[in-house]
Amino acid sequence: MFIINLIPDQLTEQAVQRGDGVLNDTGALLINTGKYTGRSPKDKFTVKDALTENTVHWNDFNIPFEEKYFYS
């Protein structure tokens, strides 16, 4: 079943009921995401505009993205 637009308490309840997570001693939801949890650095793009042009260190991990494509 695919459920969308739940409030955080409902999402937490669903995760615990489905065995996707557990609550810690403070009530926070803990989930074991497995071995591969991060976003690939080369899948992150930053809009290069007047504000970021000279303030971002452009390299293989800070990939410029043209502003005209950001708003489309």
N, C-alpha and C. Protein backbone atom coordinates (compact mmCIF):
# COMPACT_ATOMS: atom_id res chain seq x y z
N MET A 1 0.84 -1.17 0.00
CA MET A 1 0.00 0.00 0.00
C MET A 1 0.89 1.24 0.00
N PHE A 2 0.57 2.19 -0.84
CA PHE A 2 1.33 3.44 -0.95
C PHE A 2 0.49 4.55 -0.36
N ILE A 3 1.02 5.20 0.68
CA ILE A 3 0.29 6.26 1.37
C ILE A 3 1.11 7.55 1.27
N ILE A 4 0.44 8.64 0.91
CA ILE A 4 1.13 9.92 0.80
C ILE A 4 0.47 10.97 1.68
N ASN A 5 1.18 12.02 1.93
CA ASN A 5 0.69 13.19 2.66
C ASN A 5 0.25 12.90 4.08
N LEU A 6 0.95 12.00 4.75
CA LEU A 6 0.66 11.75 6.16
C LEU A 6 1.42 12.75 7.02
N ILE A 7 0.89 13.02 8.20
CA ILE A 7 1.62 13.87 9.14
C ILE A 7 2.74 13.04 9.77
N PRO A 8 3.77 13.68 10.33
CA PRO A 8 4.91 12.93 10.87
C PRO A 8 4.55 11.81 11.85
N ASP A 9 3.60 12.05 12.74
CA ASP A 9 3.21 11.00 13.70
C ASP A 9 2.64 9.78 12.98
N GLN A 10 1.86 10.01 11.92
CA GLN A 10 1.29 8.89 11.16
C GLN A 10 2.37 8.14 10.39
N LEU A 11 3.33 8.88 9.83
CA LEU A 11 4.43 8.23 9.12
C LEU A 11 5.25 7.36 10.07
N THR A 12 5.50 7.88 11.27
CA THR A 12 6.25 7.13 12.27
C THR A 12 5.51 5.86 12.64
N GLU A 13 4.22 5.98 12.89
CA GLU A 13 3.40 4.82 13.25
C GLU A 13 3.43 3.77 12.14
N GLN A 14 3.29 4.20 10.90
CA GLN A 14 3.32 3.27 9.76
C GLN A 14 4.67 2.55 9.69
N ALA A 15 5.76 3.29 9.86
CA ALA A 15 7.10 2.69 9.78
C ALA A 15 7.29 1.63 10.85
N VAL A 16 6.85 1.92 12.07
CA VAL A 16 6.99 0.97 13.17
C VAL A 16 6.11 -0.25 12.94
N GLN A 17 4.86 -0.04 12.52
CA GLN A 17 3.95 -1.15 12.26
C GLN A 17 4.46 -2.07 11.17
N ARG A 18 5.09 -1.51 10.14
CA ARG A 18 5.59 -2.30 9.02
C ARG A 18 6.94 -2.94 9.30
N GLY A 19 7.53 -2.60 10.45
CA GLY A 19 8.84 -3.15 10.79
C GLY A 19 9.98 -2.44 10.09
N ASP A 20 9.72 -1.25 9.56
CA ASP A 20 10.76 -0.49 8.88
C ASP A 20 11.62 0.31 9.84
N GLY A 21 11.18 0.45 11.08
CA GLY A 21 11.93 1.23 12.05
C GLY A 21 11.45 0.93 13.46
N VAL A 22 12.17 1.47 14.43
CA VAL A 22 11.81 1.33 15.84
C VAL A 22 11.95 2.70 16.49
N LEU A 23 11.34 2.86 17.66
CA LEU A 23 11.46 4.10 18.41
C LEU A 23 12.57 3.95 19.45
N ASN A 24 13.38 5.01 19.61
CA ASN A 24 14.40 4.96 20.66
C ASN A 24 13.79 5.43 21.97
N ASP A 25 14.64 5.57 23.01
CA ASP A 25 14.12 5.92 24.33
C ASP A 25 13.57 7.33 24.43
N THR A 26 13.83 8.18 23.44
CA THR A 26 13.25 9.52 23.44
C THR A 26 12.05 9.64 22.51
N GLY A 27 11.72 8.53 21.83
CA GLY A 27 10.58 8.53 20.92
C GLY A 27 10.94 8.85 19.47
N ALA A 28 12.23 9.03 19.19
CA ALA A 28 12.67 9.30 17.81
C ALA A 28 12.65 8.01 17.00
N LEU A 29 12.30 8.12 15.74
CA LEU A 29 12.26 6.98 14.84
C LEU A 29 13.67 6.64 14.36
N LEU A 30 14.06 5.39 14.51
CA LEU A 30 15.36 4.91 14.04
C LEU A 30 15.12 3.93 12.90
N ILE A 31 15.85 4.12 11.82
CA ILE A 31 15.71 3.24 10.66
C ILE A 31 17.11 2.82 10.21
N ASN A 32 17.28 1.53 9.97
CA ASN A 32 18.53 1.03 9.42
C ASN A 32 18.42 1.15 7.91
N THR A 33 19.17 2.08 7.35
CA THR A 33 19.06 2.34 5.91
C THR A 33 19.98 1.47 5.09
N GLY A 34 20.80 0.68 5.73
CA GLY A 34 21.67 -0.23 4.99
C GLY A 34 23.00 0.39 4.63
N LYS A 35 23.67 -0.27 3.71
CA LYS A 35 25.04 0.09 3.36
C LYS A 35 25.13 1.38 2.55
N TYR A 36 24.19 1.60 1.63
CA TYR A 36 24.27 2.74 0.72
C TYR A 36 23.21 3.76 1.09
N THR A 37 23.58 4.77 1.87
CA THR A 37 22.58 5.71 2.38
C THR A 37 22.73 7.12 1.83
N GLY A 38 23.88 7.46 1.31
CA GLY A 38 24.11 8.84 0.88
C GLY A 38 23.81 9.05 -0.59
N ARG A 39 23.63 10.28 -0.93
CA ARG A 39 23.45 10.66 -2.33
C ARG A 39 24.83 10.71 -2.98
N SER A 40 24.90 10.23 -4.18
CA SER A 40 26.16 10.30 -4.91
C SER A 40 26.56 11.76 -5.08
N PRO A 41 27.79 12.11 -4.72
CA PRO A 41 28.21 13.51 -4.84
C PRO A 41 28.04 14.07 -6.25
N LYS A 42 28.14 13.22 -7.24
CA LYS A 42 28.03 13.71 -8.62
C LYS A 42 26.58 13.82 -9.07
N ASP A 43 25.63 13.59 -8.17
CA ASP A 43 24.21 13.76 -8.47
C ASP A 43 23.66 15.03 -7.85
N LYS A 44 24.51 15.90 -7.37
CA LYS A 44 24.10 17.15 -6.72
C LYS A 44 24.47 18.31 -7.65
N PHE A 45 23.52 19.20 -7.87
CA PHE A 45 23.75 20.33 -8.75
C PHE A 45 23.37 21.62 -8.03
N THR A 46 24.10 22.68 -8.30
CA THR A 46 23.84 23.98 -7.70
C THR A 46 23.64 24.99 -8.82
N VAL A 47 22.60 25.81 -8.67
CA VAL A 47 22.34 26.83 -9.69
C VAL A 47 23.49 27.84 -9.68
N LYS A 48 24.07 28.04 -10.84
CA LYS A 48 25.14 29.03 -10.97
C LYS A 48 24.52 30.32 -11.46
N ASP A 49 24.47 31.31 -10.57
CA ASP A 49 23.87 32.60 -10.90
C ASP A 49 24.77 33.70 -10.33
N ALA A 50 24.27 34.90 -10.32
CA ALA A 50 25.06 36.03 -9.83
C ALA A 50 25.48 35.85 -8.37
N LEU A 51 24.65 35.21 -7.57
CA LEU A 51 24.95 35.01 -6.15
C LEU A 51 26.00 33.92 -5.93
N THR A 52 25.90 32.83 -6.68
CA THR A 52 26.78 31.68 -6.44
C THR A 52 28.02 31.64 -7.32
N GLU A 53 28.02 32.42 -8.38
CA GLU A 53 29.11 32.36 -9.36
C GLU A 53 30.50 32.47 -8.72
N ASN A 54 30.64 33.41 -7.78
CA ASN A 54 31.95 33.63 -7.17
C ASN A 54 32.03 33.19 -5.71
N THR A 55 30.97 32.54 -5.21
CA THR A 55 30.99 32.11 -3.81
C THR A 55 31.04 30.60 -3.66
N VAL A 56 30.81 29.85 -4.72
CA VAL A 56 30.87 28.39 -4.68
C VAL A 56 32.17 27.94 -5.32
N HIS A 57 32.80 26.97 -4.70
CA HIS A 57 34.01 26.38 -5.28
C HIS A 57 33.56 25.33 -6.30
N TRP A 58 33.54 25.70 -7.55
CA TRP A 58 33.05 24.81 -8.61
C TRP A 58 34.09 23.72 -8.88
N ASN A 59 33.65 22.46 -8.80
CA ASN A 59 34.54 21.32 -9.02
C ASN A 59 33.69 20.11 -9.42
N ASP A 60 34.24 18.92 -9.31
CA ASP A 60 33.51 17.71 -9.69
C ASP A 60 32.32 17.41 -8.78
N PHE A 61 32.30 18.02 -7.59
CA PHE A 61 31.22 17.76 -6.64
C PHE A 61 30.26 18.93 -6.49
N ASN A 62 30.65 20.11 -6.91
CA ASN A 62 29.77 21.27 -6.96
C ASN A 62 29.55 21.58 -8.43
N ILE A 63 28.62 20.90 -9.01
CA ILE A 63 28.39 20.95 -10.45
C ILE A 63 27.43 22.09 -10.77
N PRO A 64 27.82 23.02 -11.64
CA PRO A 64 26.93 24.14 -11.96
C PRO A 64 25.72 23.71 -12.79
N PHE A 65 24.60 24.34 -12.50
CA PHE A 65 23.33 24.08 -13.18
C PHE A 65 22.80 25.43 -13.63
N GLU A 66 22.47 25.55 -14.89
CA GLU A 66 22.03 26.86 -15.40
C GLU A 66 20.67 27.25 -14.81
N GLU A 67 20.57 28.51 -14.42
CA GLU A 67 19.37 29.04 -13.79
C GLU A 67 18.14 28.86 -14.66
N LYS A 68 18.28 28.98 -15.97
CA LYS A 68 17.13 28.88 -16.86
C LYS A 68 16.45 27.51 -16.79
N TYR A 69 17.20 26.48 -16.41
CA TYR A 69 16.62 25.14 -16.30
C TYR A 69 16.03 24.88 -14.91
N PHE A 70 16.45 25.63 -13.91
CA PHE A 70 15.97 25.44 -12.54
C PHE A 70 14.49 25.76 -12.42
N TYR A 71 14.02 26.77 -13.10
CA TYR A 71 12.63 27.21 -12.96
C TYR A 71 11.67 26.57 -13.95
N SER A 72 12.15 25.72 -14.85
CA SER A 72 11.24 25.16 -15.85
C SER A 72 10.50 23.96 -15.36
